[in-house]
């Protein structure tokens, strides 16, 4: 049986930067807190916790005056920076540069919408409550309208200008579908789309957008795909569903313990891949467990026959 790890899978630049920043501070035996899980992968969170990284929530932040707190790649709203300054907290900002640029872009769009008459709307295509989306909404004083499917469009006023942005880890296909639905609603109401009435900005990270095509080629090259991802990863959910569409024999696991070795009966080529929040070491651990399993079975059978 051939086991192949997708060489294009694993941490994106933003996650690598955040984890590297955390490890650098921890290497000096500094006490470091992280505002939320540094990455949506429990195994990696646990590994860093063993090194001393302590995960906190926003409620606990108010008790950390004078401490160092890491802002993860997802970013934070302006209110977090203001609170930290008031409390004397030293923020170690590891916001992904792509997310940071999007925050600034949305802030600019929001200011432009506020200057119009009637006042325009900022709409964000994303997962409600997602850490990145919370940070993006904060750029609009939390007035942005968050939509995750075309069914959420009732919250938009189609008589007012609209500026649409996307969470960086969303599907470009779903984003295109949402644009078509908004355009259709405007045309039904007004007959046409007026100049400046609706502008959509494709703010999906290229790494995510390109991963789908890369993943398609990988999934077609094997008999089974093990997609390794944290259950809370938005990017992981999208890529897993895409992978399963291409290769129906795809299984989502978050750790080695979730392997079912009956999956590999009579198969020749096993593929292992993951989300942009999946550590390489975890995919390698899955590959090692699969590779060792036949040997462990053989050794067990020899003991039984003694």
Protein backbone atom coordinates (compact mmCIF):
# COMPACT_ATOMS: atom_id res chain seq x y z
CA UNK A 1 0.00 0.00 0.00
CA UNK A 2 1.31 3.42 -1.00
CA UNK A 3 0.76 6.31 1.43
CA UNK A 4 1.09 9.83 0.06
CA UNK A 5 0.93 13.11 1.99
CA UNK A 6 -0.25 16.10 -0.01
CA UNK A 7 2.85 18.29 -0.26
CA UNK A 8 0.68 21.41 -0.68
CA UNK A 9 -1.37 20.81 2.49
CA UNK A 10 -0.70 22.33 5.87
CA UNK A 11 -0.35 25.67 7.55
CA UNK A 12 -0.85 28.84 5.54
CA UNK A 13 1.57 31.76 5.90
CA UNK A 14 -0.59 33.54 8.50
CA UNK A 15 -0.75 30.51 10.80
CA UNK A 16 2.98 29.82 10.40
CA UNK A 17 3.67 33.43 11.39
CA UNK A 18 1.41 33.27 14.46
CA UNK A 19 2.81 29.95 15.71
CA UNK A 20 6.38 31.06 15.06
CA UNK A 21 5.76 34.25 17.04
CA UNK A 22 4.32 32.26 19.94
CA UNK A 23 7.20 29.77 19.98
CA UNK A 24 9.77 32.56 19.90
CA UNK A 25 8.34 34.13 23.08
CA UNK A 26 7.86 30.76 24.76
CA UNK A 27 11.49 29.82 24.04
CA UNK A 28 12.53 32.60 26.44
CA UNK A 29 10.35 31.10 29.18
CA UNK A 30 8.01 34.08 28.97
CA UNK A 31 4.44 33.82 30.19
CA UNK A 32 2.29 34.20 27.10
CA UNK A 33 -1.47 34.19 26.76
CA UNK A 34 -3.38 33.70 23.50
CA UNK A 35 -6.76 35.30 22.92
CA UNK A 36 -8.65 32.26 21.64
CA UNK A 37 -7.21 29.08 20.11
CA UNK A 38 -4.18 30.05 18.05
CA UNK A 39 -5.40 27.73 15.28
CA UNK A 40 -8.55 25.65 14.78
CA UNK A 41 -6.76 22.39 15.47
CA UNK A 42 -6.93 20.82 18.92
CA UNK A 43 -3.75 18.77 18.50
CA UNK A 44 -1.65 21.85 17.70
CA UNK A 45 -3.30 23.86 20.47
CA UNK A 46 -2.41 21.08 22.91
CA UNK A 47 1.20 20.96 21.67
CA UNK A 48 1.66 24.68 22.28
CA UNK A 49 -0.11 24.47 25.62
CA UNK A 50 2.52 21.95 26.67
CA UNK A 51 5.13 24.59 25.83
CA UNK A 52 3.37 27.11 28.06
CA UNK A 53 0.91 28.97 25.82
CA UNK A 54 -2.25 29.69 27.81
CA UNK A 55 -5.51 30.17 25.91
CA UNK A 56 -7.89 32.78 27.30
CA UNK A 57 -11.18 34.33 26.28
CA UNK A 58 -12.23 37.98 26.19
CA UNK A 59 -13.78 37.77 29.65
CA UNK A 60 -10.41 36.73 31.14
CA UNK A 61 -8.58 39.52 29.31
CA UNK A 62 -9.67 42.11 31.86
CA UNK A 63 -7.65 40.30 34.56
CA UNK A 64 -4.33 40.35 32.68
CA UNK A 65 -3.07 43.88 33.24
CA UNK A 66 0.69 44.05 32.67
CA UNK A 67 0.81 40.65 30.89
CA UNK A 68 1.65 39.69 27.31
CA UNK A 69 -1.23 38.55 25.10
CA UNK A 70 -0.94 37.16 21.59
CA UNK A 71 -3.45 38.14 18.93
CA UNK A 72 -3.77 35.17 16.60
CA UNK A 73 -3.88 35.19 12.79
CA UNK A 74 -7.67 35.71 12.71
CA UNK A 75 -7.26 39.26 14.02
CA UNK A 76 -9.30 41.25 16.53
CA UNK A 77 -11.72 44.20 16.43
CA UNK A 78 -10.53 47.72 17.44
CA UNK A 79 -12.26 47.35 20.82
CA UNK A 80 -9.72 44.69 21.86
CA UNK A 81 -6.80 47.04 21.20
CA UNK A 82 -8.50 49.83 23.17
CA UNK A 83 -9.18 47.53 26.11
CA UNK A 84 -5.59 46.26 26.13
CA UNK A 85 -4.23 49.80 26.14
CA UNK A 86 -6.49 50.77 29.04
CA UNK A 87 -5.39 47.73 31.04
CA UNK A 88 -1.68 48.04 30.29
CA UNK A 89 -1.59 44.72 28.41
CA UNK A 90 1.24 44.23 25.92
CA UNK A 91 -0.27 42.84 22.73
CA UNK A 92 1.84 40.60 20.50
CA UNK A 93 0.02 41.11 17.21
CA UNK A 94 0.22 38.08 14.91
CA UNK A 95 -2.75 39.02 12.73
CA UNK A 96 -2.35 37.53 9.25
CA UNK A 97 -1.24 40.30 6.85
CA UNK A 98 -4.04 39.34 4.45
CA UNK A 99 -6.65 39.62 7.20
CA UNK A 100 -5.13 42.90 8.38
CA UNK A 101 -5.35 44.34 4.85
CA UNK A 102 -8.99 43.23 4.65
CA UNK A 103 -9.77 44.91 7.97
CA UNK A 104 -8.34 48.17 6.66
CA UNK A 105 -10.24 47.79 3.40
CA UNK A 106 -13.54 47.25 5.21
CA UNK A 107 -12.92 50.23 7.48
CA UNK A 108 -12.37 52.41 4.41
CA UNK A 109 -15.51 51.01 2.75
CA UNK A 110 -17.52 51.61 5.89
CA UNK A 111 -16.41 55.24 6.09
CA UNK A 112 -17.37 55.71 2.43
CA UNK A 113 -20.80 54.16 3.02
CA UNK A 114 -21.40 56.43 6.00
CA UNK A 115 -20.81 59.49 3.81
CA UNK A 116 -23.52 58.54 1.30
CA UNK A 117 -27.16 59.53 1.33
CA UNK A 118 -28.89 57.25 1.94
CA UNK A 119 -26.21 55.64 4.11
CA UNK A 120 -24.78 52.52 2.49
CA UNK A 121 -24.30 49.05 3.94
CA UNK A 122 -21.26 46.84 4.44
CA UNK A 123 -22.11 43.17 3.93
CA UNK A 124 -19.67 40.40 4.89
CA UNK A 125 -19.96 36.90 3.47
CA UNK A 126 -18.77 34.75 6.35
CA UNK A 127 -19.55 32.49 9.26
CA UNK A 128 -21.38 34.35 12.07
CA UNK A 129 -19.34 34.27 15.26
CA UNK A 130 -16.12 33.25 13.51
CA UNK A 131 -13.08 34.97 15.02
CA UNK A 132 -12.08 36.61 11.73
CA UNK A 133 -15.63 37.81 11.07
CA UNK A 134 -15.85 39.36 14.55
CA UNK A 135 -12.69 41.32 13.79
CA UNK A 136 -14.04 42.43 10.41
CA UNK A 137 -17.37 43.54 11.84
CA UNK A 138 -15.50 45.59 14.43
CA UNK A 139 -14.17 47.77 11.60
CA UNK A 140 -17.76 48.91 10.98
CA UNK A 141 -18.63 49.59 14.62
CA UNK A 142 -20.41 46.22 14.45
CA UNK A 143 -22.97 47.49 11.93
CA UNK A 144 -21.94 45.10 9.11
CA UNK A 145 -24.50 42.59 7.91
CA UNK A 146 -23.11 39.03 7.99
CA UNK A 147 -24.55 36.54 5.49
CA UNK A 148 -23.53 32.92 5.14
CA UNK A 149 -26.03 31.76 2.48
CA UNK A 150 -28.44 33.38 0.01
CA UNK A 151 -31.18 32.68 2.58
CA UNK A 152 -29.71 35.42 4.79
CA UNK A 153 -30.35 38.26 2.35
CA UNK A 154 -33.50 39.47 4.09
CA UNK A 155 -31.32 41.56 6.40
CA UNK A 156 -30.14 43.71 3.47
CA UNK A 157 -31.96 46.88 2.43
CA UNK A 158 -31.91 46.79 -1.38
CA UNK A 159 -32.87 50.45 -1.58
CA UNK A 160 -29.48 51.45 -0.15
CA UNK A 161 -25.94 51.07 -1.58
CA UNK A 162 -24.18 47.80 -0.80
CA UNK A 163 -20.50 46.91 -0.51
CA UNK A 164 -19.85 43.18 -0.26
CA UNK A 165 -16.67 41.58 1.16
CA UNK A 166 -15.79 37.98 1.99
CA UNK A 167 -14.16 36.26 4.93
CA UNK A 168 -10.75 35.17 3.61
CA UNK A 169 -11.40 31.42 3.98
CA UNK A 170 -14.74 31.11 2.19
CA UNK A 171 -15.52 29.28 -1.03
CA UNK A 172 -15.16 31.36 -4.19
CA UNK A 173 -17.98 29.34 -5.78
CA UNK A 174 -20.34 30.18 -2.91
CA UNK A 175 -19.23 33.81 -3.07
CA UNK A 176 -20.06 33.98 -6.79
CA UNK A 177 -23.47 32.45 -6.11
CA UNK A 178 -24.14 35.04 -3.42
CA UNK A 179 -23.22 37.88 -5.78
CA UNK A 180 -25.67 36.57 -8.39
CA UNK A 181 -28.44 36.38 -5.80
CA UNK A 182 -27.86 39.95 -4.63
CA UNK A 183 -27.76 41.23 -8.20
CA UNK A 184 -30.99 39.38 -8.97
CA UNK A 185 -32.73 40.91 -5.94
CA UNK A 186 -31.66 44.43 -6.93
CA UNK A 187 -32.81 43.93 -10.53
CA UNK A 188 -36.18 42.56 -9.39
CA UNK A 189 -36.72 45.63 -7.24
CA UNK A 190 -35.27 48.38 -9.46
CA UNK A 191 -35.15 46.89 -12.94
CA UNK A 192 -31.38 47.38 -13.18
CA UNK A 193 -28.31 47.92 -11.02
CA UNK A 194 -27.46 51.60 -10.75
CA UNK A 195 -23.92 52.94 -10.77
CA UNK A 196 -22.29 52.39 -7.39
CA UNK A 197 -25.40 50.67 -6.03
CA UNK A 198 -23.67 47.33 -5.56
CA UNK A 199 -19.94 46.58 -5.54
CA UNK A 200 -18.50 43.17 -4.61
CA UNK A 201 -14.86 42.74 -3.63
CA UNK A 202 -13.28 39.30 -3.93
CA UNK A 203 -11.31 39.20 -0.68
CA UNK A 204 -10.87 35.42 -0.47
CA UNK A 205 -7.27 34.44 0.23
CA UNK A 206 -5.55 33.14 -2.92
CA UNK A 207 -4.08 30.28 -0.92
CA UNK A 208 -7.61 29.09 -0.13
CA UNK A 209 -8.96 29.72 -3.62
CA UNK A 210 -6.07 27.86 -5.27
CA UNK A 211 -6.14 24.99 -2.80
CA UNK A 212 -9.36 23.65 -4.28
CA UNK A 213 -7.78 23.01 -7.68
CA UNK A 214 -4.63 21.58 -6.09
CA UNK A 215 -6.76 19.34 -3.90
CA UNK A 216 -8.80 18.11 -6.87
CA UNK A 217 -5.71 16.79 -8.63
CA UNK A 218 -4.46 15.13 -5.43
CA UNK A 219 -7.84 13.51 -4.64
CA UNK A 220 -8.08 12.00 -8.13
CA UNK A 221 -4.62 10.43 -7.78
CA UNK A 222 -5.52 8.14 -4.83
CA UNK A 223 -8.12 5.52 -3.86
CA UNK A 224 -8.98 7.09 -0.50
CA UNK A 225 -8.41 10.49 1.08
CA UNK A 226 -7.97 11.13 4.78
CA UNK A 227 -8.73 14.79 5.35
CA UNK A 228 -7.12 15.83 8.63
CA UNK A 229 -8.66 18.94 10.15
CA UNK A 230 -10.03 20.42 13.33
CA UNK A 231 -13.83 20.22 13.42
CA UNK A 232 -14.07 24.00 14.02
CA UNK A 233 -12.04 25.00 10.96
CA UNK A 234 -14.11 26.94 8.42
CA UNK A 235 -11.43 26.41 5.79
CA UNK A 236 -11.25 22.72 6.68
CA UNK A 237 -15.00 22.23 6.30
CA UNK A 238 -15.02 23.85 2.87
CA UNK A 239 -11.99 21.92 1.56
CA UNK A 240 -13.23 18.61 2.99
CA UNK A 241 -16.60 18.98 1.26
CA UNK A 242 -14.84 19.90 -1.99
CA UNK A 243 -12.51 16.91 -1.67
CA UNK A 244 -15.41 14.54 -0.98
CA UNK A 245 -17.19 15.82 -4.09
CA UNK A 246 -14.14 14.87 -6.18
CA UNK A 247 -13.26 11.65 -4.31
CA UNK A 248 -16.35 10.17 -2.56
CA UNK A 249 -14.08 7.86 -0.55
CA UNK A 250 -12.93 10.75 1.67
CA UNK A 251 -12.98 10.67 5.47
CA UNK A 252 -12.66 13.59 7.88
CA UNK A 253 -10.55 12.94 10.98
CA UNK A 254 -9.05 15.28 13.55
CA UNK A 255 -6.50 12.87 15.04
CA UNK A 256 -4.94 9.42 14.73
CA UNK A 257 -7.43 7.91 17.18
CA UNK A 258 -10.27 8.43 14.69
CA UNK A 259 -8.76 6.12 12.06
CA UNK A 260 -10.81 3.09 11.01
CA UNK A 261 -8.35 0.64 9.50
CA UNK A 262 -11.10 -1.22 7.65
CA UNK A 263 -11.17 1.77 5.29
CA UNK A 264 -7.93 0.55 3.71
CA UNK A 265 -8.93 -3.02 2.84
CA UNK A 266 -7.99 -3.85 -0.75
CA UNK A 267 -6.82 -0.31 -1.51
CA UNK A 268 -3.49 0.53 -3.11
CA UNK A 269 -3.14 4.33 -2.81
CA UNK A 270 -3.89 6.28 0.38
CA UNK A 271 -3.80 10.07 0.32
CA UNK A 272 -3.48 12.30 3.38
CA UNK A 273 -4.23 16.01 3.21
CA UNK A 274 -5.60 18.76 5.41
CA UNK A 275 -6.70 22.34 5.92
CA UNK A 276 -4.56 25.47 6.15
CA UNK A 277 -4.86 25.00 9.93
CA UNK A 278 -3.56 21.41 9.92
CA UNK A 279 0.03 20.88 11.16
CA UNK A 280 2.35 18.81 9.00
CA UNK A 281 3.43 16.72 11.98
CA UNK A 282 -0.16 15.54 12.50
CA UNK A 283 -0.52 14.36 8.90
CA UNK A 284 2.81 12.56 9.25
CA UNK A 285 1.56 10.89 12.46
CA UNK A 286 -1.53 9.63 10.59
CA UNK A 287 0.67 8.25 7.80
CA UNK A 288 2.91 6.49 10.32
CA UNK A 289 -0.08 4.92 12.10
CA UNK A 290 -1.45 3.53 8.83
CA UNK A 291 1.98 2.26 7.77
CA UNK A 292 2.54 0.53 11.12
CA UNK A 293 -0.90 -1.05 11.37
CA UNK A 294 -0.23 -4.14 9.20
CA UNK A 295 2.97 -4.79 11.14
CA UNK A 296 1.14 -4.49 14.48
CA UNK A 297 -1.54 -6.90 13.25
CA UNK A 298 1.10 -9.41 12.13
CA UNK A 299 2.92 -9.21 15.46
CA UNK A 300 -0.37 -9.68 17.32
CA UNK A 301 -1.23 -12.75 15.23
CA UNK A 302 2.19 -14.28 15.96
CA UNK A 303 1.57 -13.85 19.71
CA UNK A 304 -1.84 -15.50 19.38
CA UNK A 305 -0.35 -18.47 17.55
CA UNK A 306 2.35 -19.10 20.20
